[in-house]
Amino acid sequence: MKINLMDNWATNTAEAKLIQEQLKDRVITQDELKTVQYVAGVDVGFQDNYQITQAAVAVLSFPQLELVEKAISQIPTTFPYIPGYLSFREIPAILEALKQLKITPDLILCDGQGLAHPRRFGLACHLGVLLNLPTIGVAKSLFIGEHEELPSEKGSWQPLIDKDETVGLVLRSRTNVRPIYVSIGHKISLPTAKDYVMKCLTKYRLPETTRWADKLASDK
C-alpha cells in the first residue's frame, strides 16, 4: 500500500492540539465509499515497558470476513499516553504497518474514537484524513458523551450525544455483553458506519477486523 510517511510528528500537546484543529475540517461525514471488497482492522500494542509501539493491520475479505493479509510494525514510542492525543502516539506505527500491505483496504475500522472526541478529531478521523480512505472508529470504552439506556439484545443502539451534538452511537454487539462505541472516522456517514460494523460482527463482542488486529498487536 503506497503511503507518504510523515517525517515529523507533534512532540507535545500544544503542537498536537493545533494539528487537530487544523485538520478536523477536512473530515468528510458523508458516504464516499467505493464497492467494499476488503475491510481492515488496525490496533496498537506496546512492548518493552511501552518503549516500543507495535501496530498491526488485518485485512479481511468482505463480506466473507476471511483473513487475506496481515502486517506488523515496531517502532520506538515517541509520544506519551495522553487521552485525546492517542493518534500521535499510535498512527506513526500504524502507517508503517499499512505500508507493508499489497492490498489497499476499501474501509478501515480503527480501535479508537473518531468524531467522539473533544475536538471531533480522534484517531479514526486522523488516520482517514491522512490516508484519504473511509474509516470508522470502533472503541471498547466510552470517552465522551452520554446516551440513553441500551437494551440488552444484540443490534440495539442509542445515539451518543456530546454538547447537544450526535458524535457517534453506542452499539450492543452481542446480547448481554458490554457495548462498543461507533463513530465516524472519514468518508462515511454514521448510519453506514453502523451497518458495516454490524456486518463485521460474528459471535464476539468486537468486529472481526478489530479482533484480528488486536490479537496481532498484542502478540510478542
N, C-alpha and C. Protein backbone atom coordinates (compact mmCIF):
# COMPACT_ATOMS: atom_id res chain seq x y z
N MET A 1 0.85 -1.19 0.00
CA MET A 1 0.00 0.00 0.00
C MET A 1 0.88 1.24 0.00
N LYS A 2 0.67 2.13 -0.95
CA LYS A 2 1.50 3.31 -1.05
C LYS A 2 1.07 4.36 -0.02
N ILE A 3 2.03 4.78 0.79
CA ILE A 3 1.75 5.76 1.84
C ILE A 3 2.88 6.78 1.87
N ASN A 4 2.51 8.04 1.97
CA ASN A 4 3.51 9.08 2.16
C ASN A 4 3.71 9.28 3.66
N LEU A 5 4.77 8.64 4.18
CA LEU A 5 5.04 8.74 5.61
C LEU A 5 5.52 10.13 5.98
N MET A 6 5.08 10.59 7.15
CA MET A 6 5.45 11.92 7.61
C MET A 6 6.84 11.87 8.25
N ASP A 7 7.60 12.91 8.02
CA ASP A 7 8.96 12.97 8.57
C ASP A 7 8.95 13.35 10.05
N ASN A 8 7.98 14.12 10.46
CA ASN A 8 7.95 14.53 11.86
C ASN A 8 6.50 14.59 12.36
N TRP A 9 6.37 14.43 13.66
CA TRP A 9 5.08 14.47 14.32
C TRP A 9 5.16 15.43 15.49
N ALA A 10 3.99 15.77 16.00
CA ALA A 10 3.96 16.64 17.18
C ALA A 10 4.71 15.96 18.33
N THR A 11 5.40 16.78 19.11
CA THR A 11 6.14 16.24 20.25
C THR A 11 5.55 16.66 21.58
N ASN A 12 4.52 17.50 21.54
CA ASN A 12 3.85 17.93 22.77
C ASN A 12 2.37 18.21 22.49
N THR A 13 1.60 18.39 23.54
CA THR A 13 0.16 18.54 23.36
C THR A 13 -0.21 19.85 22.67
N ALA A 14 0.57 20.89 22.85
CA ALA A 14 0.26 22.17 22.19
C ALA A 14 0.34 22.01 20.67
N GLU A 15 1.41 21.36 20.20
CA GLU A 15 1.55 21.11 18.77
C GLU A 15 0.46 20.17 18.27
N ALA A 16 0.17 19.14 19.06
CA ALA A 16 -0.83 18.16 18.66
C ALA A 16 -2.22 18.79 18.57
N LYS A 17 -2.58 19.60 19.52
CA LYS A 17 -3.88 20.25 19.51
C LYS A 17 -4.03 21.15 18.29
N LEU A 18 -2.97 21.86 17.95
CA LEU A 18 -3.00 22.75 16.78
C LEU A 18 -3.23 21.93 15.50
N ILE A 19 -2.57 20.80 15.39
CA ILE A 19 -2.75 19.94 14.21
C ILE A 19 -4.19 19.44 14.14
N GLN A 20 -4.74 19.03 15.27
CA GLN A 20 -6.12 18.55 15.29
C GLN A 20 -7.09 19.65 14.85
N GLU A 21 -6.88 20.84 15.35
CA GLU A 21 -7.76 21.96 14.99
C GLU A 21 -7.63 22.30 13.50
N GLN A 22 -6.42 22.16 12.96
CA GLN A 22 -6.20 22.48 11.55
C GLN A 22 -6.81 21.44 10.61
N LEU A 23 -6.80 20.18 11.03
CA LEU A 23 -7.21 19.09 10.15
C LEU A 23 -8.67 18.67 10.31
N LYS A 24 -9.31 19.03 11.40
CA LYS A 24 -10.65 18.48 11.67
C LYS A 24 -11.68 18.89 10.61
N ASP A 25 -11.50 20.04 9.97
CA ASP A 25 -12.45 20.47 8.96
C ASP A 25 -12.33 19.67 7.67
N ARG A 26 -11.31 18.85 7.56
CA ARG A 26 -11.15 18.01 6.37
C ARG A 26 -11.95 16.71 6.47
N VAL A 27 -12.48 16.42 7.65
CA VAL A 27 -13.24 15.19 7.83
C VAL A 27 -14.52 15.24 7.01
N ILE A 28 -14.75 14.20 6.23
CA ILE A 28 -15.97 14.08 5.43
C ILE A 28 -16.91 13.12 6.13
N THR A 29 -18.13 13.59 6.43
CA THR A 29 -19.08 12.79 7.19
C THR A 29 -20.19 12.22 6.32
N GLN A 30 -19.99 12.23 5.01
CA GLN A 30 -20.93 11.61 4.07
C GLN A 30 -20.27 10.39 3.44
N ASP A 31 -21.11 9.53 2.86
CA ASP A 31 -20.60 8.31 2.26
C ASP A 31 -19.86 8.59 0.96
N GLU A 32 -18.57 8.27 0.96
CA GLU A 32 -17.76 8.34 -0.25
C GLU A 32 -16.98 7.03 -0.39
N LEU A 33 -17.70 5.92 -0.22
CA LEU A 33 -17.08 4.61 -0.33
C LEU A 33 -17.29 4.07 -1.73
N LYS A 34 -16.29 3.38 -2.23
CA LYS A 34 -16.49 2.58 -3.43
C LYS A 34 -16.96 1.20 -2.98
N THR A 35 -17.12 0.28 -3.90
CA THR A 35 -17.53 -1.07 -3.53
C THR A 35 -16.53 -1.66 -2.53
N VAL A 36 -17.04 -2.13 -1.41
CA VAL A 36 -16.16 -2.64 -0.36
C VAL A 36 -15.90 -4.13 -0.56
N GLN A 37 -14.69 -4.44 -0.97
CA GLN A 37 -14.26 -5.83 -1.14
C GLN A 37 -13.32 -6.27 -0.02
N TYR A 38 -12.63 -5.28 0.58
CA TYR A 38 -11.70 -5.58 1.66
C TYR A 38 -11.89 -4.60 2.81
N VAL A 39 -12.03 -5.13 4.01
CA VAL A 39 -12.11 -4.31 5.21
C VAL A 39 -10.87 -4.62 6.05
N ALA A 40 -10.36 -3.61 6.72
CA ALA A 40 -9.16 -3.80 7.54
C ALA A 40 -9.41 -3.33 8.96
N GLY A 41 -8.72 -3.95 9.87
CA GLY A 41 -8.70 -3.50 11.26
C GLY A 41 -7.29 -3.10 11.63
N VAL A 42 -7.17 -2.04 12.40
CA VAL A 42 -5.85 -1.63 12.90
C VAL A 42 -5.91 -1.52 14.42
N ASP A 43 -4.83 -1.89 15.05
CA ASP A 43 -4.73 -1.82 16.50
C ASP A 43 -3.27 -1.68 16.88
N VAL A 44 -3.06 -1.26 18.11
CA VAL A 44 -1.69 -0.99 18.58
C VAL A 44 -1.50 -1.61 19.96
N GLY A 45 -0.34 -2.20 20.16
CA GLY A 45 0.10 -2.68 21.46
C GLY A 45 1.49 -2.14 21.75
N PHE A 46 2.02 -2.47 22.91
CA PHE A 46 3.32 -1.94 23.28
C PHE A 46 4.20 -3.03 23.87
N GLN A 47 5.50 -2.89 23.64
CA GLN A 47 6.49 -3.84 24.13
C GLN A 47 7.55 -3.10 24.94
N ASP A 48 8.32 -3.88 25.68
CA ASP A 48 9.47 -3.33 26.43
C ASP A 48 9.07 -2.14 27.30
N ASN A 49 8.05 -2.38 28.14
CA ASN A 49 7.60 -1.34 29.07
C ASN A 49 7.23 -0.05 28.34
N TYR A 50 6.49 -0.21 27.23
CA TYR A 50 5.95 0.90 26.42
C TYR A 50 7.02 1.65 25.63
N GLN A 51 8.22 1.12 25.58
CA GLN A 51 9.26 1.78 24.80
C GLN A 51 9.11 1.52 23.30
N ILE A 52 8.46 0.43 22.95
CA ILE A 52 8.26 0.05 21.55
C ILE A 52 6.76 0.00 21.25
N THR A 53 6.36 0.70 20.19
CA THR A 53 4.98 0.67 19.73
C THR A 53 4.85 -0.40 18.64
N GLN A 54 3.93 -1.33 18.85
CA GLN A 54 3.72 -2.41 17.89
C GLN A 54 2.32 -2.25 17.28
N ALA A 55 2.26 -1.98 16.00
CA ALA A 55 0.99 -1.81 15.30
C ALA A 55 0.72 -3.00 14.41
N ALA A 56 -0.55 -3.34 14.30
CA ALA A 56 -0.95 -4.46 13.46
C ALA A 56 -2.12 -4.05 12.59
N VAL A 57 -2.13 -4.59 11.38
CA VAL A 57 -3.26 -4.41 10.47
C VAL A 57 -3.66 -5.77 9.95
N ALA A 58 -4.96 -6.02 9.95
CA ALA A 58 -5.51 -7.27 9.42
C ALA A 58 -6.49 -6.91 8.31
N VAL A 59 -6.30 -7.48 7.15
CA VAL A 59 -7.18 -7.23 6.00
C VAL A 59 -8.05 -8.47 5.80
N LEU A 60 -9.36 -8.25 5.76
CA LEU A 60 -10.30 -9.34 5.59
C LEU A 60 -11.12 -9.13 4.32
N SER A 61 -11.47 -10.22 3.67
CA SER A 61 -12.39 -10.13 2.54
C SER A 61 -13.77 -9.73 3.07
N PHE A 62 -14.54 -9.06 2.23
CA PHE A 62 -15.88 -8.64 2.64
C PHE A 62 -16.87 -9.02 1.55
N PRO A 63 -17.97 -9.66 1.93
CA PRO A 63 -18.49 -9.86 3.29
C PRO A 63 -18.08 -11.17 3.96
N GLN A 64 -17.16 -11.93 3.35
CA GLN A 64 -16.82 -13.25 3.89
C GLN A 64 -16.10 -13.17 5.24
N LEU A 65 -15.37 -12.06 5.47
CA LEU A 65 -14.62 -11.85 6.70
C LEU A 65 -13.53 -12.91 6.90
N GLU A 66 -12.87 -13.26 5.81
CA GLU A 66 -11.74 -14.18 5.87
C GLU A 66 -10.43 -13.39 5.81
N LEU A 67 -9.48 -13.74 6.66
CA LEU A 67 -8.21 -13.03 6.68
C LEU A 67 -7.45 -13.29 5.38
N VAL A 68 -7.05 -12.21 4.71
CA VAL A 68 -6.34 -12.35 3.44
C VAL A 68 -4.93 -11.76 3.49
N GLU A 69 -4.69 -10.86 4.45
CA GLU A 69 -3.35 -10.28 4.58
C GLU A 69 -3.20 -9.67 5.97
N LYS A 70 -1.97 -9.67 6.45
CA LYS A 70 -1.70 -9.06 7.75
C LYS A 70 -0.31 -8.45 7.73
N ALA A 71 -0.09 -7.48 8.61
CA ALA A 71 1.22 -6.84 8.71
C ALA A 71 1.41 -6.31 10.13
N ILE A 72 2.65 -6.31 10.57
CA ILE A 72 3.00 -5.82 11.90
C ILE A 72 4.22 -4.92 11.78
N SER A 73 4.22 -3.83 12.53
CA SER A 73 5.40 -2.96 12.57
C SER A 73 5.77 -2.67 14.01
N GLN A 74 7.01 -2.37 14.22
CA GLN A 74 7.51 -1.97 15.53
C GLN A 74 8.40 -0.75 15.37
N ILE A 75 8.11 0.30 16.12
CA ILE A 75 8.94 1.50 16.09
C ILE A 75 9.07 2.02 17.52
N PRO A 76 10.09 2.84 17.80
CA PRO A 76 10.20 3.43 19.13
C PRO A 76 9.00 4.32 19.45
N THR A 77 8.53 4.27 20.68
CA THR A 77 7.43 5.13 21.12
C THR A 77 7.96 6.54 21.33
N THR A 78 7.30 7.50 20.70
CA THR A 78 7.82 8.87 20.75
C THR A 78 6.86 9.88 21.38
N PHE A 79 5.63 9.46 21.70
CA PHE A 79 4.66 10.39 22.27
C PHE A 79 4.05 9.75 23.50
N PRO A 80 3.88 10.50 24.59
CA PRO A 80 3.34 9.92 25.83
C PRO A 80 1.86 9.57 25.72
N TYR A 81 1.39 8.77 26.66
CA TYR A 81 -0.03 8.45 26.73
C TYR A 81 -0.78 9.63 27.32
N ILE A 82 -1.57 10.29 26.49
CA ILE A 82 -2.39 11.42 26.93
C ILE A 82 -3.76 11.27 26.27
N PRO A 83 -4.82 11.04 27.05
CA PRO A 83 -6.16 10.92 26.45
C PRO A 83 -6.48 12.11 25.55
N GLY A 84 -7.02 11.81 24.38
CA GLY A 84 -7.35 12.86 23.42
C GLY A 84 -6.27 13.08 22.38
N TYR A 85 -5.11 12.46 22.59
CA TYR A 85 -3.99 12.64 21.67
C TYR A 85 -3.37 11.29 21.26
N LEU A 86 -4.17 10.22 21.32
CA LEU A 86 -3.62 8.90 21.06
C LEU A 86 -3.15 8.73 19.62
N SER A 87 -3.71 9.48 18.69
CA SER A 87 -3.29 9.31 17.30
C SER A 87 -1.81 9.66 17.12
N PHE A 88 -1.31 10.60 17.90
CA PHE A 88 0.09 10.99 17.78
C PHE A 88 1.02 9.92 18.37
N ARG A 89 0.50 9.11 19.23
CA ARG A 89 1.26 8.01 19.83
C ARG A 89 1.20 6.76 18.96
N GLU A 90 0.07 6.56 18.26
CA GLU A 90 -0.16 5.28 17.60
C GLU A 90 -0.07 5.30 16.08
N ILE A 91 -0.47 6.40 15.43
CA ILE A 91 -0.55 6.40 13.97
C ILE A 91 0.81 6.21 13.28
N PRO A 92 1.92 6.75 13.78
CA PRO A 92 3.19 6.50 13.09
C PRO A 92 3.46 5.01 12.88
N ALA A 93 3.19 4.19 13.89
CA ALA A 93 3.40 2.75 13.76
C ALA A 93 2.35 2.12 12.85
N ILE A 94 1.11 2.62 12.92
CA ILE A 94 0.05 2.11 12.05
C ILE A 94 0.41 2.34 10.58
N LEU A 95 0.92 3.51 10.26
CA LEU A 95 1.30 3.80 8.89
C LEU A 95 2.41 2.87 8.41
N GLU A 96 3.34 2.58 9.31
CA GLU A 96 4.43 1.66 8.93
C GLU A 96 3.89 0.27 8.62
N ALA A 97 2.88 -0.16 9.37
CA ALA A 97 2.27 -1.46 9.10
C ALA A 97 1.48 -1.45 7.80
N LEU A 98 0.71 -0.39 7.59
CA LEU A 98 -0.09 -0.29 6.36
C LEU A 98 0.80 -0.26 5.12
N LYS A 99 1.97 0.33 5.25
CA LYS A 99 2.89 0.44 4.12
C LYS A 99 3.30 -0.93 3.59
N GLN A 100 3.23 -1.95 4.43
CA GLN A 100 3.65 -3.30 4.03
C GLN A 100 2.59 -4.03 3.20
N LEU A 101 1.37 -3.53 3.20
CA LEU A 101 0.29 -4.26 2.55
C LEU A 101 0.40 -4.24 1.02
N LYS A 102 0.01 -5.36 0.43
CA LYS A 102 -0.14 -5.42 -1.02
C LYS A 102 -1.56 -5.04 -1.42
N ILE A 103 -2.51 -5.28 -0.51
CA ILE A 103 -3.91 -4.95 -0.75
C ILE A 103 -4.24 -3.64 -0.06
N THR A 104 -4.86 -2.73 -0.80
CA THR A 104 -5.34 -1.49 -0.19
C THR A 104 -6.78 -1.69 0.26
N PRO A 105 -7.07 -1.62 1.55
CA PRO A 105 -8.44 -1.84 2.02
C PRO A 105 -9.37 -0.73 1.56
N ASP A 106 -10.64 -1.08 1.38
CA ASP A 106 -11.65 -0.11 0.98
C ASP A 106 -12.25 0.60 2.18
N LEU A 107 -12.09 0.01 3.36
CA LEU A 107 -12.64 0.57 4.60
C LEU A 107 -11.79 0.07 5.75
N ILE A 108 -11.45 0.98 6.68
CA ILE A 108 -10.62 0.63 7.83
C ILE A 108 -11.41 0.88 9.11
N LEU A 109 -11.47 -0.13 9.97
CA LEU A 109 -12.07 0.00 11.29
C LEU A 109 -10.94 0.15 12.30
N CYS A 110 -10.96 1.25 13.03
CA CYS A 110 -9.89 1.57 13.97
C CYS A 110 -10.31 1.25 15.40
N ASP A 111 -9.38 0.75 16.17
CA ASP A 111 -9.63 0.53 17.59
C ASP A 111 -9.42 1.86 18.31
N GLY A 112 -10.46 2.69 18.29
CA GLY A 112 -10.36 4.02 18.89
C GLY A 112 -11.52 4.89 18.48
N GLN A 113 -11.45 6.14 18.84
CA GLN A 113 -12.54 7.08 18.58
C GLN A 113 -12.37 7.77 17.22
N GLY A 114 -13.49 8.25 16.71
CA GLY A 114 -13.49 9.11 15.53
C GLY A 114 -13.97 10.49 15.94
N LEU A 115 -15.20 10.84 15.55
CA LEU A 115 -15.77 12.13 15.96
C LEU A 115 -16.10 12.19 17.44
N ALA A 116 -16.19 11.06 18.10
CA ALA A 116 -16.48 11.04 19.53
C ALA A 116 -15.21 11.42 20.30
N HIS A 117 -14.86 12.66 20.16
CA HIS A 117 -13.58 13.20 20.64
C HIS A 117 -13.80 14.67 20.99
N PRO A 118 -13.14 15.19 22.01
CA PRO A 118 -13.40 16.59 22.42
C PRO A 118 -13.24 17.60 21.30
N ARG A 119 -12.29 17.36 20.39
CA ARG A 119 -12.10 18.28 19.26
C ARG A 119 -12.59 17.68 17.95
N ARG A 120 -13.40 16.62 18.06
CA ARG A 120 -14.01 15.96 16.89
C ARG A 120 -12.96 15.47 15.90
N PHE A 121 -11.85 14.98 16.45
CA PHE A 121 -10.76 14.51 15.59
C PHE A 121 -9.97 13.42 16.29
N GLY A 122 -10.64 12.31 16.54
CA GLY A 122 -9.97 11.18 17.14
C GLY A 122 -9.10 10.42 16.15
N LEU A 123 -8.56 9.31 16.60
CA LEU A 123 -7.61 8.54 15.79
C LEU A 123 -8.19 8.13 14.44
N ALA A 124 -9.45 7.69 14.43
CA ALA A 124 -10.05 7.24 13.16
C ALA A 124 -10.18 8.39 12.17
N CYS A 125 -10.50 9.59 12.65
CA CYS A 125 -10.56 10.75 11.77
C CYS A 125 -9.17 11.09 11.24
N HIS A 126 -8.21 11.11 12.13
CA HIS A 126 -6.84 11.48 11.77
C HIS A 126 -6.27 10.52 10.72
N LEU A 127 -6.45 9.22 10.97
CA LEU A 127 -5.93 8.24 10.02
C LEU A 127 -6.65 8.34 8.68
N GLY A 128 -7.97 8.51 8.71
CA GLY A 128 -8.73 8.62 7.46
C GLY A 128 -8.32 9.81 6.63
N VAL A 129 -8.12 10.96 7.27
CA VAL A 129 -7.71 12.16 6.55
C VAL A 129 -6.31 11.98 5.96
N LEU A 130 -5.40 11.40 6.72
CA LEU A 130 -4.04 11.20 6.21
C LEU A 130 -4.01 10.25 5.02
N LEU A 131 -4.84 9.20 5.06
CA LEU A 131 -4.84 8.19 4.00
C LEU A 131 -5.81 8.52 2.88
N ASN A 132 -6.75 9.43 3.15
CA ASN A 132 -7.84 9.72 2.22
C ASN A 132 -8.65 8.46 1.92
N LEU A 133 -8.92 7.70 2.99
CA LEU A 133 -9.70 6.46 2.90
C LEU A 133 -10.83 6.49 3.92
N PRO A 134 -11.93 5.77 3.63
CA PRO A 134 -13.02 5.67 4.60
C PRO A 134 -12.56 4.94 5.87
N THR A 135 -12.90 5.50 7.02
CA THR A 135 -12.53 4.90 8.30
C THR A 135 -13.69 5.01 9.28
N ILE A 136 -13.70 4.10 10.24
CA ILE A 136 -14.69 4.09 11.31
C ILE A 136 -13.96 3.93 12.63
N GLY A 137 -14.38 4.67 13.64
CA GLY A 137 -13.88 4.48 14.99
C GLY A 137 -14.75 3.46 15.71
N VAL A 138 -14.13 2.40 16.21
CA VAL A 138 -14.85 1.38 16.99
C VAL A 138 -14.11 1.23 18.31
N ALA A 139 -14.61 1.89 19.34
CA ALA A 139 -13.92 1.92 20.63
C ALA A 139 -14.55 0.94 21.62
N LYS A 140 -13.72 0.45 22.51
CA LYS A 140 -14.19 -0.51 23.51
C LYS A 140 -14.75 0.18 24.76
N SER A 141 -14.49 1.48 24.90
CA SER A 141 -14.95 2.19 26.10
C SER A 141 -15.43 3.58 25.74
N LEU A 142 -16.25 4.14 26.60
CA LEU A 142 -16.79 5.48 26.41
C LEU A 142 -15.72 6.52 26.73
N PHE A 143 -15.55 7.49 25.85
CA PHE A 143 -14.59 8.57 26.06
C PHE A 143 -15.32 9.86 26.41
N ILE A 144 -16.22 10.29 25.53
CA ILE A 144 -17.04 11.46 25.81
C ILE A 144 -18.48 11.15 25.43
N GLY A 145 -19.40 11.96 25.92
CA GLY A 145 -20.79 11.85 25.51
C GLY A 145 -21.66 11.07 26.49
N GLU A 146 -22.96 11.16 26.27
CA GLU A 146 -23.94 10.46 27.08
C GLU A 146 -24.95 9.78 26.16
N HIS A 147 -25.62 8.77 26.70
CA HIS A 147 -26.61 8.07 25.89
C HIS A 147 -27.70 7.50 26.79
N GLU A 148 -28.84 7.21 26.19
CA GLU A 148 -29.92 6.58 26.92
C GLU A 148 -29.58 5.12 27.21
N GLU A 149 -30.33 4.53 28.13
CA GLU A 149 -30.11 3.14 28.49
C GLU A 149 -30.26 2.24 27.26
N LEU A 150 -29.38 1.28 27.17
CA LEU A 150 -29.32 0.43 25.99
C LEU A 150 -29.96 -0.93 26.28
N PRO A 151 -30.90 -1.38 25.44
CA PRO A 151 -31.43 -2.74 25.61
C PRO A 151 -30.32 -3.78 25.51
N SER A 152 -30.58 -4.96 26.05
CA SER A 152 -29.53 -5.98 26.17
C SER A 152 -29.33 -6.80 24.91
N GLU A 153 -30.24 -6.68 23.91
CA GLU A 153 -30.16 -7.53 22.74
C GLU A 153 -29.13 -7.04 21.73
N LYS A 154 -28.47 -7.99 21.06
CA LYS A 154 -27.53 -7.66 20.00
C LYS A 154 -28.21 -6.82 18.93
N GLY A 155 -27.52 -5.76 18.49
CA GLY A 155 -28.05 -4.88 17.47
C GLY A 155 -28.72 -3.64 18.03
N SER A 156 -29.01 -3.63 19.33
CA SER A 156 -29.60 -2.44 19.96
C SER A 156 -28.58 -1.31 19.95
N TRP A 157 -29.07 -0.09 19.80
CA TRP A 157 -28.15 1.04 19.79
C TRP A 157 -28.85 2.31 20.26
N GLN A 158 -28.06 3.27 20.66
CA GLN A 158 -28.54 4.58 21.06
C GLN A 158 -27.56 5.64 20.57
N PRO A 159 -28.06 6.84 20.21
CA PRO A 159 -27.14 7.91 19.82
C PRO A 159 -26.23 8.30 20.99
N LEU A 160 -25.02 8.67 20.67
CA LEU A 160 -24.07 9.18 21.64
C LEU A 160 -24.01 10.69 21.47
N ILE A 161 -24.38 11.41 22.53
CA ILE A 161 -24.55 12.87 22.45
C ILE A 161 -23.51 13.58 23.29
N ASP A 162 -22.87 14.59 22.72
CA ASP A 162 -21.94 15.45 23.46
C ASP A 162 -22.23 16.90 23.09
N LYS A 163 -22.56 17.70 24.08
CA LYS A 163 -22.85 19.12 23.87
C LYS A 163 -23.92 19.31 22.79
N ASP A 164 -25.01 18.54 22.92
CA ASP A 164 -26.16 18.61 22.02
C ASP A 164 -25.83 18.19 20.59
N GLU A 165 -24.72 17.51 20.39
CA GLU A 165 -24.33 17.05 19.06
C GLU A 165 -24.19 15.52 19.08
N THR A 166 -24.73 14.88 18.05
CA THR A 166 -24.55 13.43 17.92
C THR A 166 -23.15 13.16 17.39
N VAL A 167 -22.33 12.54 18.22
CA VAL A 167 -20.93 12.30 17.85
C VAL A 167 -20.66 10.83 17.54
N GLY A 168 -21.67 9.99 17.71
CA GLY A 168 -21.49 8.57 17.45
C GLY A 168 -22.69 7.81 17.96
N LEU A 169 -22.49 6.53 18.20
CA LEU A 169 -23.57 5.72 18.77
C LEU A 169 -22.97 4.61 19.61
N VAL A 170 -23.76 4.16 20.57
CA VAL A 170 -23.37 3.04 21.40
C VAL A 170 -24.14 1.83 20.89
N LEU A 171 -23.44 0.72 20.66
CA LEU A 171 -24.00 -0.43 19.96
C LEU A 171 -23.78 -1.72 20.77
N ARG A 172 -24.87 -2.46 20.92
CA ARG A 172 -24.76 -3.75 21.59
C ARG A 172 -24.36 -4.77 20.52
N SER A 173 -23.11 -5.18 20.55
CA SER A 173 -22.59 -6.08 19.52
C SER A 173 -22.83 -7.55 19.83
N ARG A 174 -23.21 -7.82 21.07
CA ARG A 174 -23.53 -9.19 21.47
C ARG A 174 -24.50 -9.11 22.65
N THR A 175 -25.50 -9.95 22.67
CA THR A 175 -26.51 -9.91 23.72
C THR A 175 -25.90 -10.08 25.10
N ASN A 176 -26.32 -9.19 26.01
CA ASN A 176 -25.89 -9.23 27.41
C ASN A 176 -24.38 -9.06 27.59
N VAL A 177 -23.75 -8.38 26.64
CA VAL A 177 -22.32 -8.09 26.73
C VAL A 177 -22.13 -6.57 26.62
N ARG A 178 -21.10 -6.06 27.27
CA ARG A 178 -20.83 -4.62 27.24
C ARG A 178 -20.81 -4.10 25.80
N PRO A 179 -21.35 -2.90 25.58
CA PRO A 179 -21.45 -2.38 24.22
C PRO A 179 -20.11 -1.87 23.68
N ILE A 180 -20.12 -1.52 22.40
CA ILE A 180 -18.99 -0.84 21.77
C ILE A 180 -19.45 0.53 21.32
N TYR A 181 -18.51 1.39 20.99
CA TYR A 181 -18.81 2.79 20.69
C TYR A 181 -18.32 3.11 19.27
N VAL A 182 -19.27 3.43 18.41
CA VAL A 182 -19.00 3.62 16.99
C VAL A 182 -19.10 5.10 16.64
N SER A 183 -18.14 5.60 15.89
CA SER A 183 -18.22 6.99 15.43
C SER A 183 -17.57 7.13 14.05
N ILE A 184 -17.96 8.16 13.36
CA ILE A 184 -17.42 8.44 12.02
C ILE A 184 -15.93 8.70 12.12
N GLY A 185 -15.20 8.13 11.17
CA GLY A 185 -13.80 8.47 11.02
C GLY A 185 -13.64 9.44 9.85
N HIS A 186 -13.93 8.95 8.64
CA HIS A 186 -13.76 9.78 7.45
C HIS A 186 -14.48 9.12 6.28
N LYS A 187 -15.10 9.92 5.44
CA LYS A 187 -15.75 9.48 4.20
C LYS A 187 -16.85 8.44 4.41
N ILE A 188 -17.57 8.56 5.51
CA ILE A 188 -18.66 7.64 5.79
C ILE A 188 -19.66 8.32 6.72
N SER A 189 -20.94 8.00 6.55
CA SER A 189 -21.96 8.54 7.44
C SER A 189 -22.13 7.61 8.64
N LEU A 190 -22.75 8.11 9.69
CA LEU A 190 -22.91 7.29 10.88
C LEU A 190 -23.83 6.08 10.64
N PRO A 191 -24.97 6.22 9.94
CA PRO A 191 -25.77 5.02 9.67
C PRO A 191 -25.02 3.96 8.88
N THR A 192 -24.24 4.39 7.90
CA THR A 192 -23.47 3.43 7.11
C THR A 192 -22.36 2.80 7.95
N ALA A 193 -21.75 3.60 8.81
CA ALA A 193 -20.72 3.06 9.71
C ALA A 193 -21.31 1.97 10.60
N LYS A 194 -22.50 2.22 11.14
CA LYS A 194 -23.15 1.20 11.97
C LYS A 194 -23.41 -0.07 11.17
N ASP A 195 -23.90 0.09 9.96
CA ASP A 195 -24.20 -1.07 9.12
C ASP A 195 -22.96 -1.92 8.87
N TYR A 196 -21.84 -1.27 8.56
CA TYR A 196 -20.63 -2.03 8.28
C TYR A 196 -20.08 -2.70 9.55
N VAL A 197 -20.18 -2.02 10.67
CA VAL A 197 -19.74 -2.64 11.91
C VAL A 197 -20.58 -3.88 12.20
N MET A 198 -21.90 -3.77 12.02
CA MET A 198 -22.77 -4.92 12.23
C MET A 198 -22.41 -6.08 11.30
N LYS A 199 -22.09 -5.76 10.05
CA LYS A 199 -21.76 -6.80 9.08
C LYS A 199 -20.39 -7.43 9.36
N CYS A 200 -19.57 -6.77 10.17
CA CYS A 200 -18.26 -7.32 10.53
C CYS A 200 -18.29 -8.08 11.86
N LEU A 201 -19.47 -8.14 12.47
CA LEU A 201 -19.61 -8.88 13.72
C LEU A 201 -19.94 -10.34 13.44
N THR A 202 -19.42 -11.22 14.29
CA THR A 202 -19.81 -12.62 14.24
C THR A 202 -20.36 -12.99 15.62
N LYS A 203 -19.69 -13.84 16.34
CA LYS A 203 -20.19 -14.24 17.67
C LYS A 203 -19.45 -13.56 18.81
N TYR A 204 -18.60 -12.61 18.49
CA TYR A 204 -17.79 -11.96 19.51
C TYR A 204 -18.24 -10.52 19.74
N ARG A 205 -17.72 -9.93 20.81
CA ARG A 205 -18.06 -8.53 21.10
C ARG A 205 -17.48 -7.59 20.06
N LEU A 206 -16.25 -7.85 19.63
CA LEU A 206 -15.57 -6.97 18.69
C LEU A 206 -15.77 -7.42 17.25
N PRO A 207 -15.80 -6.48 16.30
CA PRO A 207 -15.83 -6.88 14.89
C PRO A 207 -14.61 -7.74 14.56
N GLU A 208 -14.75 -8.59 13.56
CA GLU A 208 -13.65 -9.47 13.19
C GLU A 208 -12.39 -8.70 12.83
N THR A 209 -12.55 -7.55 12.22
CA THR A 209 -11.40 -6.71 11.87
C THR A 209 -10.60 -6.34 13.12
N THR A 210 -11.31 -5.81 14.11
CA THR A 210 -10.67 -5.38 15.35
C THR A 210 -10.12 -6.57 16.12
N ARG A 211 -10.86 -7.66 16.13
CA ARG A 211 -10.44 -8.84 16.87
C ARG A 211 -9.13 -9.40 16.33
N TRP A 212 -9.01 -9.48 15.01
CA TRP A 212 -7.77 -9.95 14.40
C TRP A 212 -6.61 -9.00 14.69
N ALA A 213 -6.86 -7.69 14.49
CA ALA A 213 -5.79 -6.71 14.70
C ALA A 213 -5.35 -6.67 16.16
N ASP A 214 -6.31 -6.77 17.07
CA ASP A 214 -5.99 -6.77 18.50
C ASP A 214 -5.09 -7.95 18.86
N LYS A 215 -5.42 -9.12 18.32
CA LYS A 215 -4.60 -10.30 18.59
C LYS A 215 -3.19 -10.14 18.04
N LEU A 216 -3.08 -9.62 16.82
CA LEU A 216 -1.77 -9.45 16.20
C LEU A 216 -0.94 -8.40 16.95
N ALA A 217 -1.59 -7.30 17.35
CA ALA A 217 -0.87 -6.22 18.02
C ALA A 217 -0.39 -6.62 19.40
N SER A 218 -1.07 -7.58 20.02
CA SER A 218 -0.72 -8.00 21.38
C SER A 218 0.31 -9.11 21.41
N ASP A 219 0.52 -9.81 20.28
CA ASP A 219 1.48 -10.89 20.24
C ASP A 219 2.89 -10.39 20.43
N LYS A 220 3.66 -11.11 21.20
CA LYS A 220 5.06 -10.72 21.43
C LYS A 220 5.98 -11.58 20.57
